[in-house]
N, C-alpha and C. Protein backbone atom coordinates (compact mmCIF):
# COMPACT_ATOMS: atom_id res chain seq x y z
N MET A 1 138.13 -62.26 -1.91
CA MET A 1 138.40 -61.35 -0.67
C MET A 1 137.25 -60.36 -0.36
N THR A 2 137.23 -60.04 0.86
CA THR A 2 135.76 -59.65 1.63
C THR A 2 136.36 -57.98 2.06
N TYR A 3 135.58 -56.93 1.98
CA TYR A 3 135.74 -55.76 2.70
C TYR A 3 135.42 -56.08 3.86
N GLU A 4 135.84 -55.38 4.71
CA GLU A 4 134.36 -54.90 6.62
C GLU A 4 135.07 -54.17 6.33
N ILE A 5 133.87 -53.39 6.35
CA ILE A 5 132.99 -52.12 6.95
C ILE A 5 132.10 -51.70 7.92
N LYS A 6 132.78 -51.11 8.95
CA LYS A 6 132.75 -50.84 10.24
C LYS A 6 132.31 -48.85 10.34
N PHE A 7 130.47 -48.69 10.42
CA PHE A 7 130.26 -47.60 10.70
C PHE A 7 130.09 -47.09 12.42
N GLU A 8 130.29 -45.68 12.28
CA GLU A 8 129.95 -44.82 13.30
C GLU A 8 128.64 -45.31 13.87
N ASP A 9 128.78 -45.54 15.24
CA ASP A 9 128.38 -46.09 16.29
C ASP A 9 127.21 -44.96 16.69
N GLN A 10 126.12 -44.67 15.91
CA GLN A 10 125.34 -43.32 16.21
C GLN A 10 123.58 -43.94 17.04
N GLY A 11 123.92 -45.40 17.44
CA GLY A 11 123.21 -45.89 17.92
C GLY A 11 121.83 -46.87 17.14
N GLN A 12 121.91 -46.98 15.54
CA GLN A 12 121.47 -47.58 14.73
C GLN A 12 121.62 -48.73 14.94
N ASP A 13 121.39 -50.02 14.26
CA ASP A 13 121.50 -51.02 14.40
C ASP A 13 122.13 -51.80 13.39
N LEU A 14 122.94 -50.86 12.62
CA LEU A 14 123.41 -51.69 11.59
C LEU A 14 125.24 -50.79 11.36
N LEU A 15 125.97 -52.03 12.13
CA LEU A 15 126.73 -51.46 12.89
C LEU A 15 128.06 -51.68 11.32
N ARG A 16 128.28 -53.32 10.79
CA ARG A 16 129.02 -53.55 9.92
C ARG A 16 128.45 -54.02 8.70
N ILE A 17 129.01 -54.31 7.75
CA ILE A 17 128.72 -54.67 6.96
C ILE A 17 130.23 -55.58 6.11
N THR A 18 130.14 -56.36 5.21
CA THR A 18 131.09 -57.21 4.26
C THR A 18 130.53 -57.67 3.30
N CYS A 19 131.12 -57.25 2.15
CA CYS A 19 130.53 -57.39 0.57
C CYS A 19 131.93 -57.88 0.19
N ASP A 20 131.96 -58.29 -1.06
CA ASP A 20 132.74 -59.00 -2.17
C ASP A 20 133.99 -57.76 -2.58
N GLU A 21 134.89 -58.16 -2.57
CA GLU A 21 135.76 -57.28 -2.91
C GLU A 21 135.72 -56.86 -4.77
N ALA A 22 135.51 -58.09 -5.30
CA ALA A 22 134.91 -57.66 -6.87
C ALA A 22 133.79 -57.28 -7.12
N THR A 23 133.08 -57.88 -6.27
CA THR A 23 131.31 -57.37 -7.19
C THR A 23 130.53 -56.26 -6.16
N GLY A 24 131.41 -56.70 -4.80
CA GLY A 24 130.60 -55.42 -3.96
C GLY A 24 129.38 -55.84 -3.71
N GLU A 25 128.80 -57.76 -3.98
CA GLU A 25 127.61 -57.61 -3.15
C GLU A 25 127.91 -58.08 -1.61
N ILE A 26 126.56 -57.82 -0.93
CA ILE A 26 126.90 -57.48 -0.12
C ILE A 26 126.41 -59.14 0.72
N LYS A 27 127.44 -59.49 1.56
CA LYS A 27 127.22 -61.27 2.38
C LYS A 27 127.20 -61.12 3.38
N SER A 28 127.15 -59.99 3.73
CA SER A 28 126.58 -59.80 5.70
C SER A 28 126.83 -58.48 6.21
N ALA A 29 125.45 -58.58 6.98
CA ALA A 29 124.99 -57.06 7.45
C ALA A 29 124.50 -57.29 9.54
N GLY A 30 125.44 -56.35 10.31
CA GLY A 30 124.67 -56.91 10.91
C GLY A 30 125.13 -55.49 11.87
N PRO A 31 124.36 -55.53 13.56
CA PRO A 31 123.95 -56.60 13.79
C PRO A 31 122.59 -57.77 13.16
N TYR A 32 121.99 -56.71 13.03
CA TYR A 32 120.47 -56.94 12.09
C TYR A 32 119.78 -56.44 11.24
N HIS A 33 120.62 -56.55 10.37
CA HIS A 33 120.18 -56.14 9.06
C HIS A 33 120.85 -57.11 8.13
N ASN A 34 120.86 -58.43 8.73
CA ASN A 34 121.46 -59.54 7.39
C ASN A 34 120.36 -59.72 6.65
N ASP A 35 119.20 -59.89 6.66
CA ASP A 35 117.89 -60.62 5.94
C ASP A 35 117.89 -59.56 4.95
N HIS A 36 118.10 -58.15 4.93
CA HIS A 36 117.85 -57.07 4.60
C HIS A 36 118.81 -56.73 3.42
N TYR A 37 120.22 -56.43 3.85
CA TYR A 37 121.16 -55.72 2.90
C TYR A 37 121.96 -57.39 2.06
N ALA A 38 121.94 -58.53 2.96
CA ALA A 38 122.62 -59.34 2.11
C ALA A 38 121.53 -60.81 1.61
N ASP A 39 120.91 -60.56 0.92
CA ASP A 39 120.28 -60.50 -0.10
C ASP A 39 120.13 -61.19 -1.31
N GLY A 40 121.71 -61.01 -2.20
CA GLY A 40 122.31 -60.95 -3.31
C GLY A 40 121.77 -59.29 -4.25
N GLN A 41 121.27 -58.90 -3.65
CA GLN A 41 120.52 -57.78 -4.30
C GLN A 41 121.22 -56.59 -3.87
N HIS A 42 122.01 -56.34 -3.02
CA HIS A 42 122.45 -54.65 -2.55
C HIS A 42 124.38 -55.18 -2.83
N PHE A 43 124.40 -53.89 -3.46
CA PHE A 43 126.12 -53.98 -4.05
C PHE A 43 126.48 -52.75 -3.43
N VAL A 44 127.75 -52.90 -2.79
CA VAL A 44 128.79 -51.59 -2.59
C VAL A 44 129.22 -51.16 -3.64
N ASP A 45 129.14 -49.84 -3.88
CA ASP A 45 130.16 -48.86 -4.96
C ASP A 45 131.70 -48.81 -4.57
N VAL A 46 132.29 -50.31 -4.51
CA VAL A 46 133.75 -50.44 -4.01
C VAL A 46 134.92 -49.69 -4.68
N GLY A 47 133.77 -48.95 -5.57
CA GLY A 47 135.14 -47.73 -6.30
C GLY A 47 135.17 -46.79 -5.92
N GLN A 48 134.72 -46.43 -4.78
CA GLN A 48 133.97 -45.20 -3.89
C GLN A 48 134.49 -45.00 -2.58
N LEU A 49 135.13 -46.41 -2.16
CA LEU A 49 134.82 -46.49 -0.84
C LEU A 49 136.74 -45.82 0.09
N THR A 50 137.13 -45.37 -0.94
CA THR A 50 138.33 -44.56 -0.39
C THR A 50 138.11 -43.40 -0.78
N ASP A 51 137.15 -43.06 -1.36
CA ASP A 51 136.73 -41.52 -1.81
C ASP A 51 136.67 -40.03 0.06
N ASN A 52 135.47 -40.86 0.46
CA ASN A 52 135.44 -40.60 1.47
C ASN A 52 134.93 -41.80 3.01
N ARG A 53 134.19 -41.04 3.93
CA ARG A 53 134.01 -41.64 4.71
C ARG A 53 132.24 -42.27 4.41
N MET A 54 131.93 -41.87 3.65
CA MET A 54 130.23 -42.42 3.39
C MET A 54 130.57 -43.47 1.99
N VAL A 55 129.53 -44.36 2.74
CA VAL A 55 129.33 -45.42 1.79
C VAL A 55 128.32 -45.81 0.93
N TRP A 56 128.48 -45.66 -0.54
CA TRP A 56 127.21 -45.52 -1.56
C TRP A 56 127.29 -47.50 -1.92
N TYR A 57 125.75 -48.09 -2.48
CA TYR A 57 125.56 -49.02 -2.35
C TYR A 57 124.47 -48.58 -3.54
N ILE A 58 124.35 -49.90 -4.13
CA ILE A 58 123.24 -49.72 -5.04
C ILE A 58 121.92 -51.43 -4.82
N GLY A 59 120.88 -50.47 -4.26
CA GLY A 59 119.81 -51.71 -4.15
C GLY A 59 119.13 -51.91 -5.24
N ARG A 60 117.86 -52.96 -4.38
CA ARG A 60 117.23 -54.09 -5.27
C ARG A 60 116.64 -53.40 -6.14
N ASP A 61 116.42 -51.90 -6.31
CA ASP A 61 115.50 -51.18 -6.65
C ASP A 61 116.59 -50.76 -7.93
N GLY A 62 117.65 -50.69 -8.14
CA GLY A 62 118.77 -50.30 -8.70
C GLY A 62 119.60 -48.40 -8.61
N SER A 63 118.35 -48.20 -7.55
CA SER A 63 118.92 -46.91 -6.95
C SER A 63 120.34 -47.34 -6.52
N LYS A 64 121.10 -45.81 -7.02
CA LYS A 64 121.95 -45.88 -5.76
C LYS A 64 122.14 -44.98 -4.73
N GLN A 65 122.05 -45.39 -3.56
CA GLN A 65 122.28 -45.10 -2.41
C GLN A 65 123.22 -44.94 -1.32
N CYS A 66 122.87 -43.93 -0.05
CA CYS A 66 124.33 -44.04 0.84
C CYS A 66 124.14 -44.17 1.88
N PHE A 67 124.66 -45.14 2.97
CA PHE A 67 124.17 -45.67 4.11
C PHE A 67 124.31 -44.15 4.54
N LYS A 68 123.72 -43.89 5.60
CA LYS A 68 123.33 -42.71 6.78
C LYS A 68 124.57 -42.27 7.58
N TRP A 69 125.54 -43.57 7.96
CA TRP A 69 126.78 -43.85 8.93
C TRP A 69 127.52 -42.93 8.51
N PRO A 70 128.51 -42.66 8.84
CA PRO A 70 129.90 -42.63 8.06
C PRO A 70 130.72 -43.64 8.17
N MET A 71 131.74 -44.28 7.85
CA MET A 71 132.66 -45.67 8.12
C MET A 71 133.62 -45.23 8.83
N VAL A 72 133.71 -45.92 9.90
CA VAL A 72 134.98 -45.51 10.92
C VAL A 72 136.34 -46.52 10.94
N LYS A 73 136.45 -47.70 10.33
CA LYS A 73 136.77 -48.53 9.80
C LYS A 73 136.87 -49.27 8.35
N LEU A 74 137.55 -49.24 7.36
CA LEU A 74 137.85 -50.72 6.73
C LEU A 74 138.51 -51.45 6.35
N SER A 75 138.59 -52.95 6.54
CA SER A 75 139.86 -53.76 6.17
C SER A 75 139.32 -54.70 5.09
N LEU A 76 140.84 -55.59 4.34
CA LEU A 76 140.37 -55.84 3.39
C LEU A 76 141.04 -57.47 3.68
N ASN A 77 140.14 -58.75 4.29
CA ASN A 77 140.72 -60.06 4.91
C ASN A 77 141.84 -59.60 5.88
N GLY A 78 141.20 -59.05 6.79
CA GLY A 78 141.68 -58.46 8.10
C GLY A 78 143.13 -57.66 8.12
N GLU A 79 143.29 -57.07 6.95
CA GLU A 79 143.82 -56.02 7.04
C GLU A 79 143.63 -54.41 6.20
N THR A 80 143.77 -53.65 7.41
CA THR A 80 143.28 -52.04 7.89
C THR A 80 143.51 -51.66 7.06
N LEU A 81 142.86 -51.08 6.06
CA LEU A 81 143.26 -50.45 5.37
C LEU A 81 143.21 -48.61 5.12
N ALA A 82 142.59 -47.99 6.32
CA ALA A 82 141.72 -46.67 6.25
C ALA A 82 140.83 -46.84 7.79
N ALA A 83 141.45 -46.16 8.83
CA ALA A 83 140.37 -46.27 10.21
C ALA A 83 140.29 -44.43 10.63
N ALA A 84 139.46 -43.81 10.73
CA ALA A 84 138.75 -42.43 11.66
C ALA A 84 138.92 -42.50 12.71
């Protein structure tokens, strides 16, 4: 099962990511950051996805970080779970 997360468009190059529901591993990031985030070393903190509109992830160095843009839509296998 896969989460799809869409970010508020503020002119950035990262508008959406998909991640594994169980592990949080980022599977795709687009439109231009697939090579950076979908490298098997970035994981979304799926336990915090419904806490607020900010998306937290763990980077390749093990540090927890937050994407700068708020989430506007969260889907699981095509079914919308939340939308702003």
